Amino acid sequence: MGLGILLTDEFGGKIEEIGDPYQLLPPLFPPENHPGYPFLGSIDLYGNTVFNRIQMGRFLSEWAYVVSRAESAQEKELVAAIGRMACRCRDDVHVYLKFIGD
């Protein structure tokens, strides 16, 4: 099934959702718990990981690593969509970026 990526409001209501049914993202991520990528390296592929707007500056800085590794049109489209969701999370109050693992 792959990861689900949600943009939610403070009550958990879905604002936007994108899926990764072909599991394109995991190979683009740095290794789990990588010290150079504390946010990306802590995304739980089998559980839930939630980020808030204060974390988005660092998240987006690390997201550039994922963007640089995306090669196919499908990968590029997916990482760009998640990047846009992250920017919206950064710019709005009470909005959260959530990764839902398998």
N, C-alpha and C. Protein backbone atom coordinates (compact mmCIF):
# COMPACT_ATOMS: atom_id res chain seq x y z
N MET A 1 0.81 -1.19 0.00
CA MET A 1 0.00 0.00 0.00
C MET A 1 0.85 1.26 0.00
N GLY A 2 1.98 1.26 0.64
CA GLY A 2 2.85 2.42 0.67
C GLY A 2 2.39 3.47 1.65
N LEU A 3 3.11 4.56 1.69
CA LEU A 3 2.80 5.67 2.58
C LEU A 3 1.60 6.47 2.09
N GLY A 4 0.87 7.00 3.05
CA GLY A 4 -0.13 8.01 2.77
C GLY A 4 0.39 9.31 3.35
N ILE A 5 0.22 10.39 2.68
CA ILE A 5 0.67 11.68 3.17
C ILE A 5 -0.55 12.58 3.24
N LEU A 6 -0.77 13.13 4.43
CA LEU A 6 -1.96 13.94 4.68
C LEU A 6 -1.56 15.32 5.17
N LEU A 7 -2.33 16.28 4.77
CA LEU A 7 -2.29 17.61 5.36
C LEU A 7 -3.58 17.70 6.16
N THR A 8 -3.46 17.90 7.48
CA THR A 8 -4.64 17.89 8.33
C THR A 8 -4.77 19.20 9.10
N ASP A 9 -5.99 19.43 9.57
CA ASP A 9 -6.21 20.58 10.44
C ASP A 9 -6.03 20.14 11.89
N GLU A 10 -6.25 21.05 12.81
CA GLU A 10 -6.00 20.78 14.23
C GLU A 10 -6.92 19.71 14.80
N PHE A 11 -8.00 19.41 14.13
CA PHE A 11 -8.94 18.39 14.60
C PHE A 11 -8.73 17.05 13.89
N GLY A 12 -7.70 16.98 13.06
CA GLY A 12 -7.43 15.76 12.31
C GLY A 12 -8.20 15.67 11.01
N GLY A 13 -8.92 16.72 10.66
CA GLY A 13 -9.66 16.73 9.41
C GLY A 13 -8.72 16.83 8.21
N LYS A 14 -9.02 16.07 7.18
CA LYS A 14 -8.18 16.03 5.99
C LYS A 14 -8.36 17.28 5.15
N ILE A 15 -7.26 17.96 4.87
CA ILE A 15 -7.24 19.11 3.97
C ILE A 15 -6.83 18.64 2.58
N GLU A 16 -5.81 17.81 2.55
CA GLU A 16 -5.29 17.29 1.28
C GLU A 16 -4.65 15.93 1.56
N GLU A 17 -4.67 15.08 0.55
CA GLU A 17 -4.10 13.73 0.73
C GLU A 17 -3.45 13.28 -0.57
N ILE A 18 -2.34 12.60 -0.42
CA ILE A 18 -1.66 11.99 -1.56
C ILE A 18 -1.14 10.64 -1.10
N GLY A 19 -1.18 9.67 -1.99
CA GLY A 19 -0.70 8.34 -1.65
C GLY A 19 0.54 7.99 -2.44
N ASP A 20 1.21 6.98 -1.95
CA ASP A 20 2.39 6.44 -2.62
C ASP A 20 2.20 4.93 -2.77
N PRO A 21 1.20 4.52 -3.58
CA PRO A 21 0.89 3.09 -3.69
C PRO A 21 2.01 2.26 -4.31
N TYR A 22 2.89 2.90 -5.07
CA TYR A 22 3.99 2.16 -5.71
C TYR A 22 5.28 2.21 -4.89
N GLN A 23 5.19 2.78 -3.69
CA GLN A 23 6.32 2.85 -2.76
C GLN A 23 7.56 3.49 -3.40
N LEU A 24 7.32 4.63 -4.02
CA LEU A 24 8.40 5.38 -4.66
C LEU A 24 9.25 6.14 -3.64
N LEU A 25 8.64 6.57 -2.54
CA LEU A 25 9.36 7.42 -1.58
C LEU A 25 10.45 6.71 -0.78
N PRO A 26 10.21 5.54 -0.20
CA PRO A 26 11.23 4.96 0.68
C PRO A 26 12.64 4.89 0.10
N PRO A 27 12.81 4.51 -1.16
CA PRO A 27 14.18 4.50 -1.69
C PRO A 27 14.81 5.89 -1.83
N LEU A 28 13.99 6.94 -1.82
CA LEU A 28 14.49 8.30 -1.95
C LEU A 28 14.90 8.89 -0.60
N PHE A 29 14.42 8.29 0.48
CA PHE A 29 14.72 8.79 1.82
C PHE A 29 16.14 8.43 2.24
N PRO A 30 16.73 9.23 3.13
CA PRO A 30 18.01 8.83 3.72
C PRO A 30 17.78 7.64 4.64
N PRO A 31 18.82 6.95 5.05
CA PRO A 31 18.64 5.81 5.95
C PRO A 31 17.96 6.23 7.25
N GLU A 32 17.21 5.30 7.83
CA GLU A 32 16.52 5.55 9.10
C GLU A 32 17.50 6.04 10.15
N ASN A 33 17.08 7.05 10.89
CA ASN A 33 17.86 7.65 11.98
C ASN A 33 19.19 8.26 11.52
N HIS A 34 19.28 8.66 10.27
CA HIS A 34 20.49 9.29 9.74
C HIS A 34 20.70 10.61 10.49
N PRO A 35 21.88 10.82 11.09
CA PRO A 35 22.09 12.04 11.89
C PRO A 35 22.05 13.33 11.08
N GLY A 36 22.32 13.27 9.79
CA GLY A 36 22.28 14.47 8.96
C GLY A 36 20.89 14.85 8.51
N TYR A 37 19.94 13.93 8.71
CA TYR A 37 18.56 14.15 8.29
C TYR A 37 17.62 13.70 9.41
N PRO A 38 17.62 14.42 10.53
CA PRO A 38 16.84 13.95 11.67
C PRO A 38 15.33 13.89 11.42
N PHE A 39 14.81 14.75 10.57
CA PHE A 39 13.37 14.72 10.31
C PHE A 39 13.02 13.61 9.33
N LEU A 40 13.68 13.59 8.18
CA LEU A 40 13.39 12.54 7.20
C LEU A 40 13.77 11.17 7.72
N GLY A 41 14.86 11.10 8.46
CA GLY A 41 15.30 9.82 9.00
C GLY A 41 14.42 9.29 10.10
N SER A 42 13.48 10.10 10.56
CA SER A 42 12.57 9.64 11.61
C SER A 42 11.17 9.32 11.08
N ILE A 43 10.97 9.40 9.77
CA ILE A 43 9.66 9.02 9.21
C ILE A 43 9.51 7.51 9.35
N ASP A 44 8.46 7.11 10.05
CA ASP A 44 8.19 5.70 10.32
C ASP A 44 7.38 5.12 9.16
N LEU A 45 7.98 4.22 8.41
CA LEU A 45 7.31 3.64 7.25
C LEU A 45 6.17 2.70 7.64
N TYR A 46 6.11 2.31 8.91
CA TYR A 46 5.09 1.36 9.36
C TYR A 46 4.16 1.96 10.42
N GLY A 47 4.39 3.19 10.78
CA GLY A 47 3.56 3.88 11.76
C GLY A 47 3.26 5.28 11.27
N ASN A 48 2.86 6.14 12.18
CA ASN A 48 2.51 7.52 11.82
C ASN A 48 3.58 8.49 12.29
N THR A 49 3.85 9.48 11.47
CA THR A 49 4.79 10.54 11.79
C THR A 49 4.11 11.86 11.48
N VAL A 50 4.13 12.79 12.44
CA VAL A 50 3.43 14.06 12.28
C VAL A 50 4.41 15.21 12.46
N PHE A 51 4.33 16.19 11.55
CA PHE A 51 5.16 17.39 11.62
C PHE A 51 4.26 18.62 11.72
N ASN A 52 4.74 19.64 12.44
CA ASN A 52 3.98 20.89 12.56
C ASN A 52 4.69 22.01 11.81
N ARG A 53 4.09 23.19 11.81
CA ARG A 53 4.62 24.30 11.01
C ARG A 53 5.99 24.77 11.46
N ILE A 54 6.28 24.68 12.75
CA ILE A 54 7.58 25.10 13.24
C ILE A 54 8.68 24.18 12.71
N GLN A 55 8.35 22.93 12.48
CA GLN A 55 9.32 21.96 11.98
C GLN A 55 9.51 22.03 10.47
N MET A 56 8.64 22.73 9.79
CA MET A 56 8.67 22.71 8.33
C MET A 56 9.90 23.35 7.71
N GLY A 57 10.48 24.34 8.34
CA GLY A 57 11.71 24.93 7.78
C GLY A 57 12.79 23.88 7.66
N ARG A 58 13.02 23.15 8.73
CA ARG A 58 14.04 22.09 8.71
C ARG A 58 13.62 20.95 7.79
N PHE A 59 12.33 20.59 7.86
CA PHE A 59 11.83 19.52 7.00
C PHE A 59 12.07 19.85 5.53
N LEU A 60 11.72 21.06 5.12
CA LEU A 60 11.89 21.44 3.72
C LEU A 60 13.36 21.50 3.32
N SER A 61 14.20 21.89 4.23
CA SER A 61 15.64 21.87 3.97
C SER A 61 16.10 20.43 3.69
N GLU A 62 15.63 19.51 4.49
CA GLU A 62 15.98 18.10 4.29
C GLU A 62 15.27 17.53 3.06
N TRP A 63 14.07 18.02 2.77
CA TRP A 63 13.29 17.51 1.63
C TRP A 63 14.05 17.73 0.31
N ALA A 64 14.91 18.73 0.28
CA ALA A 64 15.72 18.98 -0.92
C ALA A 64 16.54 17.74 -1.29
N TYR A 65 16.94 16.96 -0.29
CA TYR A 65 17.66 15.70 -0.54
C TYR A 65 16.78 14.73 -1.35
N VAL A 66 15.53 14.61 -0.94
CA VAL A 66 14.60 13.72 -1.64
C VAL A 66 14.36 14.23 -3.06
N VAL A 67 14.16 15.54 -3.19
CA VAL A 67 13.94 16.13 -4.51
C VAL A 67 15.12 15.83 -5.43
N SER A 68 16.32 15.92 -4.90
CA SER A 68 17.53 15.70 -5.72
C SER A 68 17.67 14.25 -6.17
N ARG A 69 17.05 13.33 -5.44
CA ARG A 69 17.15 11.91 -5.78
C ARG A 69 16.03 11.43 -6.71
N ALA A 70 14.98 12.20 -6.84
CA ALA A 70 13.85 11.83 -7.71
C ALA A 70 14.30 11.91 -9.16
N GLU A 71 14.08 10.84 -9.89
CA GLU A 71 14.51 10.80 -11.29
C GLU A 71 13.35 10.67 -12.27
N SER A 72 12.44 9.77 -12.00
CA SER A 72 11.34 9.55 -12.94
C SER A 72 10.31 10.68 -12.82
N ALA A 73 9.51 10.84 -13.84
CA ALA A 73 8.46 11.86 -13.82
C ALA A 73 7.49 11.60 -12.67
N GLN A 74 7.21 10.35 -12.41
CA GLN A 74 6.29 9.99 -11.33
C GLN A 74 6.88 10.35 -9.96
N GLU A 75 8.16 10.08 -9.77
CA GLU A 75 8.83 10.45 -8.51
C GLU A 75 8.85 11.97 -8.35
N LYS A 76 9.21 12.67 -9.41
CA LYS A 76 9.28 14.13 -9.34
C LYS A 76 7.93 14.75 -9.03
N GLU A 77 6.88 14.22 -9.62
CA GLU A 77 5.53 14.73 -9.37
C GLU A 77 5.13 14.49 -7.92
N LEU A 78 5.43 13.31 -7.40
CA LEU A 78 5.09 12.98 -6.02
C LEU A 78 5.84 13.86 -5.02
N VAL A 79 7.14 13.99 -5.18
CA VAL A 79 7.92 14.79 -4.22
C VAL A 79 7.56 16.27 -4.33
N ALA A 80 7.22 16.74 -5.51
CA ALA A 80 6.79 18.14 -5.66
C ALA A 80 5.46 18.37 -4.94
N ALA A 81 4.54 17.43 -5.07
CA ALA A 81 3.25 17.57 -4.40
C ALA A 81 3.42 17.58 -2.89
N ILE A 82 4.29 16.73 -2.37
CA ILE A 82 4.53 16.71 -0.93
C ILE A 82 5.23 18.00 -0.50
N GLY A 83 6.13 18.50 -1.31
CA GLY A 83 6.78 19.77 -1.02
C GLY A 83 5.79 20.91 -0.93
N ARG A 84 4.79 20.91 -1.82
CA ARG A 84 3.75 21.95 -1.77
C ARG A 84 2.92 21.82 -0.49
N MET A 85 2.63 20.58 -0.10
CA MET A 85 1.88 20.36 1.14
C MET A 85 2.70 20.85 2.34
N ALA A 86 4.00 20.58 2.31
CA ALA A 86 4.88 21.03 3.40
C ALA A 86 4.92 22.55 3.47
N CYS A 87 4.94 23.21 2.33
CA CYS A 87 4.93 24.69 2.33
C CYS A 87 3.63 25.22 2.90
N ARG A 88 2.55 24.59 2.59
CA ARG A 88 1.27 25.02 3.15
C ARG A 88 1.26 24.81 4.66
N CYS A 89 1.81 23.69 5.11
CA CYS A 89 1.92 23.44 6.54
C CYS A 89 2.76 24.52 7.22
N ARG A 90 3.86 24.90 6.59
CA ARG A 90 4.75 25.93 7.12
C ARG A 90 4.05 27.29 7.23
N ASP A 91 3.18 27.58 6.28
CA ASP A 91 2.59 28.90 6.17
C ASP A 91 1.28 29.07 6.94
N ASP A 92 0.67 27.97 7.37
CA ASP A 92 -0.62 28.05 8.05
C ASP A 92 -0.51 27.57 9.50
N VAL A 93 -1.32 28.15 10.35
CA VAL A 93 -1.37 27.74 11.75
C VAL A 93 -2.37 26.58 11.88
N HIS A 94 -2.08 25.67 12.80
CA HIS A 94 -2.96 24.53 13.09
C HIS A 94 -3.11 23.60 11.88
N VAL A 95 -2.04 23.47 11.12
CA VAL A 95 -2.01 22.55 9.98
C VAL A 95 -0.82 21.64 10.20
N TYR A 96 -1.01 20.35 9.90
CA TYR A 96 0.01 19.34 10.17
C TYR A 96 0.24 18.47 8.95
N LEU A 97 1.48 18.10 8.73
CA LEU A 97 1.86 17.18 7.67
C LEU A 97 2.05 15.83 8.31
N LYS A 98 1.31 14.86 7.85
CA LYS A 98 1.31 13.55 8.50
C LYS A 98 1.65 12.47 7.47
N PHE A 99 2.60 11.61 7.84
CA PHE A 99 2.95 10.45 7.04
C PHE A 99 2.34 9.23 7.72
N ILE A 100 1.52 8.49 6.99
CA ILE A 100 0.84 7.32 7.52
C ILE A 100 1.51 6.09 6.91
N GLY A 101 2.14 5.28 7.75
CA GLY A 101 2.82 4.08 7.28
C GLY A 101 1.88 2.92 7.08
N ASP A 102 2.40 1.90 6.44
CA ASP A 102 1.66 0.65 6.21
C ASP A 102 1.38 -0.06 7.52
